[in-house]
Amino acid sequence: MRRLLLSLAAVSLVAGFLAAPSASAQQSVNFFLGGFVPTPTDARGDVSGGRSNDVLVGDFNFLTYRFDSFKGATVGGEYLVGLGDFFEAGAGIGFYQHTVPASDTKFVNSTGGNVVADLKLRIVPFTATFRALPLGHHDGFEPYIGGGIGVFGWRYSESGQFVDPLDRACGGKPCVFNGTFVGTGSATGPVVLGGVRFPIGRAVPGFEIRWHSAKGDLPTNQDFAGTKIDLGGMNYLFTFAIRF
């Protein structure tokens, strides 16, 4: 909670600074669209006794699904303000949501069909960032690098059919039931980015690679296969800014 409050204070401080820029500062509204690639399974969660506590890793113990299917589209926008010719500060928001189908690895339902469920992850990052522009704000070509902090709102759910291997209603045998398990919250973490822009007057298209890292705590009363959900990953973005 303390880290969350400190991060929110940092975001608020940057947002307040941006709300009252000097008259000479170059400002822009930057939109981005691209793809999000989550942290791979071999780097997810905290490993203890050879086991990761990340839910998407733990799910492999009884579910079959394609982890690569969590790759998906992400969109968002930022407000950027120049701090002299070689630096920028920004505040932004993004959105990612994807649903991946899964089936039970060991059991089938009474009709012989797969026991199926949907794994759904949503991430809404609020970020405060700082950029350095080695060549400054110039027409034609603007490379930059930067970093900052993010507050990541998230929601993870598993919904569909599940198997209770020792259900009393089924005489102590495996029994299929319908259910929905949900975890929500927010987490903080670092953001690192780099990219290049190609100004054409007030229009500024470009490309950016952005990495962030954060982990959410799952509720203990939902019987998830892990106690954490890794929210980190790489973002490959097409950007388009409008300067004013």
Protein backbone atom coordinates (compact mmCIF):
# COMPACT_ATOMS: atom_id res chain seq x y z
CA MET A 1 0.00 0.00 0.00
CA ARG A 2 2.84 2.39 0.85
CA ARG A 3 4.47 1.81 -2.53
CA LEU A 4 1.14 2.39 -4.27
CA LEU A 5 0.60 5.71 -2.45
CA LEU A 6 4.12 6.86 -3.26
CA SER A 7 3.67 5.94 -6.92
CA LEU A 8 0.32 7.72 -7.12
CA ALA A 9 1.95 10.76 -5.55
CA ALA A 10 4.70 10.67 -8.18
CA VAL A 11 2.17 10.41 -11.00
CA SER A 12 0.12 13.25 -9.50
CA LEU A 13 3.22 15.42 -9.15
CA VAL A 14 4.16 14.98 -12.78
CA ALA A 15 0.57 15.50 -13.90
CA GLY A 16 0.38 18.70 -11.86
CA PHE A 17 3.62 19.93 -13.36
CA LEU A 18 2.35 19.20 -16.85
CA ALA A 19 -0.91 21.00 -16.19
CA ALA A 20 0.88 24.33 -15.90
CA PRO A 21 3.75 24.32 -18.42
CA SER A 22 5.60 27.46 -19.36
CA ALA A 23 4.34 29.31 -22.41
CA SER A 24 7.48 28.43 -24.35
CA ALA A 25 7.36 24.68 -23.63
CA GLN A 26 6.60 22.45 -26.59
CA GLN A 27 3.55 20.33 -25.81
CA SER A 28 2.01 17.37 -27.60
CA VAL A 29 -0.70 14.76 -27.30
CA ASN A 30 0.73 11.37 -28.20
CA PHE A 31 -1.38 8.34 -29.18
CA PHE A 32 -0.02 4.81 -29.46
CA LEU A 33 -1.18 1.49 -30.87
CA GLY A 34 0.73 -1.75 -30.97
CA GLY A 35 1.30 -5.16 -29.47
CA PHE A 36 1.92 -6.33 -25.91
CA VAL A 37 4.09 -9.41 -25.27
CA PRO A 38 3.83 -10.65 -21.64
CA THR A 39 6.82 -11.78 -19.62
CA PRO A 40 7.65 -15.35 -20.76
CA THR A 41 6.80 -18.32 -18.55
CA ASP A 42 10.41 -19.06 -17.54
CA ALA A 43 10.74 -15.58 -16.02
CA ARG A 44 7.33 -15.21 -14.36
CA GLY A 45 6.75 -14.97 -10.63
CA ASP A 46 9.01 -15.85 -7.72
CA VAL A 47 10.47 -19.35 -7.77
CA SER A 48 10.65 -21.36 -4.54
CA GLY A 49 11.42 -25.05 -4.36
CA GLY A 50 11.56 -25.18 -8.14
CA ARG A 51 8.00 -23.84 -8.48
CA SER A 52 6.81 -20.42 -9.62
CA ASN A 53 4.02 -18.66 -7.72
CA ASP A 54 2.66 -17.07 -10.91
CA VAL A 55 -0.87 -18.23 -11.71
CA LEU A 56 -0.32 -18.60 -15.45
CA VAL A 57 2.59 -20.94 -14.75
CA GLY A 58 0.63 -22.87 -12.12
CA ASP A 59 -2.29 -23.30 -14.51
CA PHE A 60 -0.13 -25.57 -16.67
CA ASN A 61 -0.40 -28.20 -13.92
CA PHE A 62 -4.00 -28.95 -14.92
CA LEU A 63 -4.86 -26.81 -17.97
CA THR A 64 -3.77 -26.92 -21.58
CA TYR A 65 -3.53 -23.53 -23.28
CA ARG A 66 -1.23 -21.50 -25.50
CA PHE A 67 0.64 -18.93 -23.45
CA ASP A 68 1.65 -17.12 -26.65
CA SER A 69 -2.03 -16.37 -27.17
CA PHE A 70 -1.77 -13.73 -24.44
CA LYS A 71 0.08 -11.57 -26.92
CA GLY A 72 -2.40 -8.89 -27.95
CA ALA A 73 -3.14 -5.32 -28.94
CA THR A 74 -2.55 -2.38 -26.62
CA VAL A 75 -3.67 1.23 -27.06
CA GLY A 76 -3.29 4.46 -25.14
CA GLY A 77 -2.32 8.09 -25.05
CA GLU A 78 0.03 10.52 -23.32
CA TYR A 79 0.40 14.21 -22.68
CA LEU A 80 4.02 15.31 -23.24
CA VAL A 81 5.70 18.60 -22.47
CA GLY A 82 9.21 19.67 -23.44
CA LEU A 83 11.69 20.64 -20.71
CA GLY A 84 14.07 22.66 -22.81
CA ASP A 85 15.30 21.25 -26.10
CA PHE A 86 16.65 17.92 -24.85
CA PHE A 87 14.15 16.58 -22.32
CA GLU A 88 10.44 15.76 -21.98
CA ALA A 89 8.08 14.73 -19.19
CA GLY A 90 4.87 12.84 -19.78
CA ALA A 91 1.80 11.33 -18.16
CA GLY A 92 -0.23 8.63 -19.89
CA ILE A 93 -2.75 5.84 -19.76
CA GLY A 94 -3.01 2.58 -21.71
CA PHE A 95 -5.25 -0.44 -22.11
CA TYR A 96 -4.68 -4.14 -22.79
CA GLN A 97 -7.18 -7.00 -22.54
CA HIS A 98 -7.04 -10.51 -23.90
CA THR A 99 -8.89 -13.80 -23.40
CA VAL A 100 -7.26 -17.20 -23.96
CA PRO A 101 -9.22 -20.48 -24.15
CA ALA A 102 -8.04 -23.41 -22.02
CA SER A 103 -9.08 -27.02 -21.48
CA ASP A 104 -8.53 -29.47 -18.64
CA THR A 105 -5.49 -31.64 -19.30
CA LYS A 106 -6.69 -34.82 -17.54
CA PHE A 107 -10.50 -34.88 -17.60
CA VAL A 108 -13.41 -34.67 -20.06
CA ASN A 109 -17.07 -33.95 -19.36
CA SER A 110 -19.91 -36.50 -19.36
CA THR A 111 -20.44 -36.13 -23.11
CA GLY A 112 -16.79 -36.86 -23.85
CA GLY A 113 -16.04 -33.25 -24.77
CA ASN A 114 -13.30 -31.06 -23.34
CA VAL A 115 -13.75 -29.28 -20.02
CA VAL A 116 -13.16 -25.70 -21.19
CA ALA A 117 -12.63 -22.30 -19.56
CA ASP A 118 -11.47 -18.80 -20.49
CA LEU A 119 -8.42 -17.13 -18.95
CA LYS A 120 -8.80 -13.34 -19.17
CA LEU A 121 -6.27 -10.66 -18.30
CA ARG A 122 -6.79 -6.88 -18.36
CA ILE A 123 -4.11 -4.28 -17.61
CA VAL A 124 -4.66 -0.50 -17.45
CA PRO A 125 -1.32 1.29 -16.87
CA PHE A 126 -1.07 4.87 -15.60
CA THR A 127 2.48 6.10 -16.22
CA ALA A 128 4.69 9.07 -15.41
CA THR A 129 7.76 9.16 -17.67
CA PHE A 130 10.83 11.24 -18.44
CA ARG A 131 12.57 11.27 -21.83
CA ALA A 132 16.01 12.40 -23.01
CA LEU A 133 16.41 13.46 -26.67
CA PRO A 134 20.13 13.33 -27.61
CA LEU A 135 19.55 15.38 -30.78
CA GLY A 136 16.92 17.65 -29.29
CA HIS A 137 13.60 18.62 -30.85
CA HIS A 138 14.49 18.76 -34.54
CA ASP A 139 12.58 18.23 -37.75
CA GLY A 140 13.07 14.96 -39.54
CA PHE A 141 14.56 12.62 -36.92
CA GLU A 142 14.18 12.49 -33.11
CA PRO A 143 15.55 9.47 -31.23
CA TYR A 144 14.88 9.28 -27.49
CA ILE A 145 15.30 7.10 -24.43
CA GLY A 146 13.57 7.33 -21.08
CA GLY A 147 11.94 5.74 -18.09
CA GLY A 148 9.56 6.29 -15.25
CA ILE A 149 7.07 4.61 -12.98
CA GLY A 150 3.68 3.02 -13.59
CA VAL A 151 0.61 2.18 -11.56
CA PHE A 152 -0.99 -0.84 -13.22
CA GLY A 153 -4.66 -1.50 -12.62
CA TRP A 154 -5.44 -5.12 -13.42
CA ARG A 155 -8.13 -7.79 -13.47
CA TYR A 156 -7.56 -11.53 -13.97
CA SER A 157 -10.34 -14.11 -14.22
CA GLU A 158 -10.87 -17.78 -14.98
CA SER A 159 -14.41 -18.57 -16.11
CA GLY A 160 -16.06 -21.69 -17.47
CA GLN A 161 -15.96 -25.38 -16.57
CA PHE A 162 -13.69 -26.84 -13.88
CA VAL A 163 -13.10 -30.23 -12.29
CA ASP A 164 -13.33 -31.05 -8.60
CA PRO A 165 -11.40 -34.36 -8.41
CA LEU A 166 -13.06 -35.50 -5.14
CA ASP A 167 -16.57 -34.02 -5.20
CA ARG A 168 -18.89 -35.61 -2.61
CA ALA A 169 -21.91 -34.92 -4.83
CA CYS A 170 -20.35 -37.23 -7.39
CA GLY A 171 -19.59 -40.00 -4.93
CA GLY A 172 -16.02 -38.92 -4.31
CA LYS A 173 -15.25 -39.02 -8.04
CA PRO A 174 -14.20 -36.17 -10.37
CA CYS A 175 -17.10 -33.79 -10.96
CA VAL A 176 -17.39 -30.96 -13.50
CA PHE A 177 -18.86 -27.64 -12.33
CA ASN A 178 -19.28 -24.14 -13.72
CA GLY A 179 -17.49 -21.31 -11.98
CA THR A 180 -15.82 -17.91 -12.19
CA PHE A 181 -12.76 -16.89 -10.20
CA VAL A 182 -11.66 -13.23 -10.19
CA GLY A 183 -8.74 -11.22 -8.86
CA THR A 184 -8.38 -7.44 -9.17
CA GLY A 185 -6.04 -4.80 -7.85
CA SER A 186 -3.23 -2.43 -8.70
CA ALA A 187 0.54 -2.77 -8.67
CA THR A 188 3.47 -0.45 -9.19
CA GLY A 189 6.63 -0.94 -11.19
CA PRO A 190 9.31 0.61 -13.40
CA VAL A 191 8.91 1.64 -17.03
CA VAL A 192 11.80 1.81 -19.53
CA LEU A 193 11.35 3.05 -23.10
CA GLY A 194 13.12 4.08 -26.25
CA GLY A 195 12.03 5.13 -29.70
CA VAL A 196 12.33 7.41 -32.67
CA ARG A 197 10.02 10.06 -34.11
CA PHE A 198 9.81 11.68 -37.54
CA PRO A 199 8.27 15.17 -37.19
CA ILE A 200 6.34 16.48 -40.19
CA GLY A 201 5.21 19.90 -39.08
CA ARG A 202 2.82 19.45 -36.16
CA ALA A 203 2.25 15.77 -36.97
CA VAL A 204 4.83 13.43 -35.44
CA PRO A 205 4.67 9.71 -36.35
CA GLY A 206 7.13 7.30 -34.78
CA PHE A 207 7.95 3.93 -33.23
CA GLU A 208 8.62 2.97 -29.61
CA ILE A 209 9.63 -0.07 -27.57
CA ARG A 210 8.49 0.02 -23.95
CA TRP A 211 9.16 -2.44 -21.11
CA HIS A 212 7.41 -2.47 -17.78
CA SER A 213 7.43 -4.75 -14.75
CA ALA A 214 4.85 -5.27 -11.99
CA LYS A 215 3.21 -8.13 -10.06
CA GLY A 216 -0.30 -8.29 -8.67
CA ASP A 217 -1.40 -10.21 -5.57
CA LEU A 218 -4.23 -12.68 -6.18
CA PRO A 219 -6.92 -13.26 -3.51
CA THR A 220 -6.35 -16.31 -1.34
CA ASN A 221 -10.03 -17.29 -1.24
CA GLN A 222 -10.40 -18.02 -4.98
CA ASP A 223 -8.34 -21.24 -5.24
CA PHE A 224 -6.09 -19.91 -8.00
CA ALA A 225 -3.08 -22.00 -9.02
CA GLY A 226 -0.73 -19.22 -7.89
CA THR A 227 -0.56 -16.27 -5.51
CA LYS A 228 0.79 -13.74 -8.07
CA ILE A 229 -0.02 -12.52 -11.57
CA ASP A 230 2.91 -11.09 -13.53
CA LEU A 231 1.78 -7.94 -15.37
CA GLY A 232 5.10 -7.18 -17.04
CA GLY A 233 6.21 -7.44 -20.62
CA MET A 234 7.28 -5.66 -23.81
CA ASN A 235 5.22 -3.18 -25.81
CA TYR A 236 5.97 -2.62 -29.51
CA LEU A 237 4.21 0.58 -30.49
CA PHE A 238 3.39 2.81 -33.43
CA THR A 239 3.07 6.35 -32.09
CA PHE A 240 1.45 9.48 -33.49
CA ALA A 241 1.74 12.83 -31.74
CA ILE A 242 0.15 16.21 -32.46
CA ARG A 243 2.18 19.22 -31.29
CA PHE A 244 0.73 22.56 -30.27
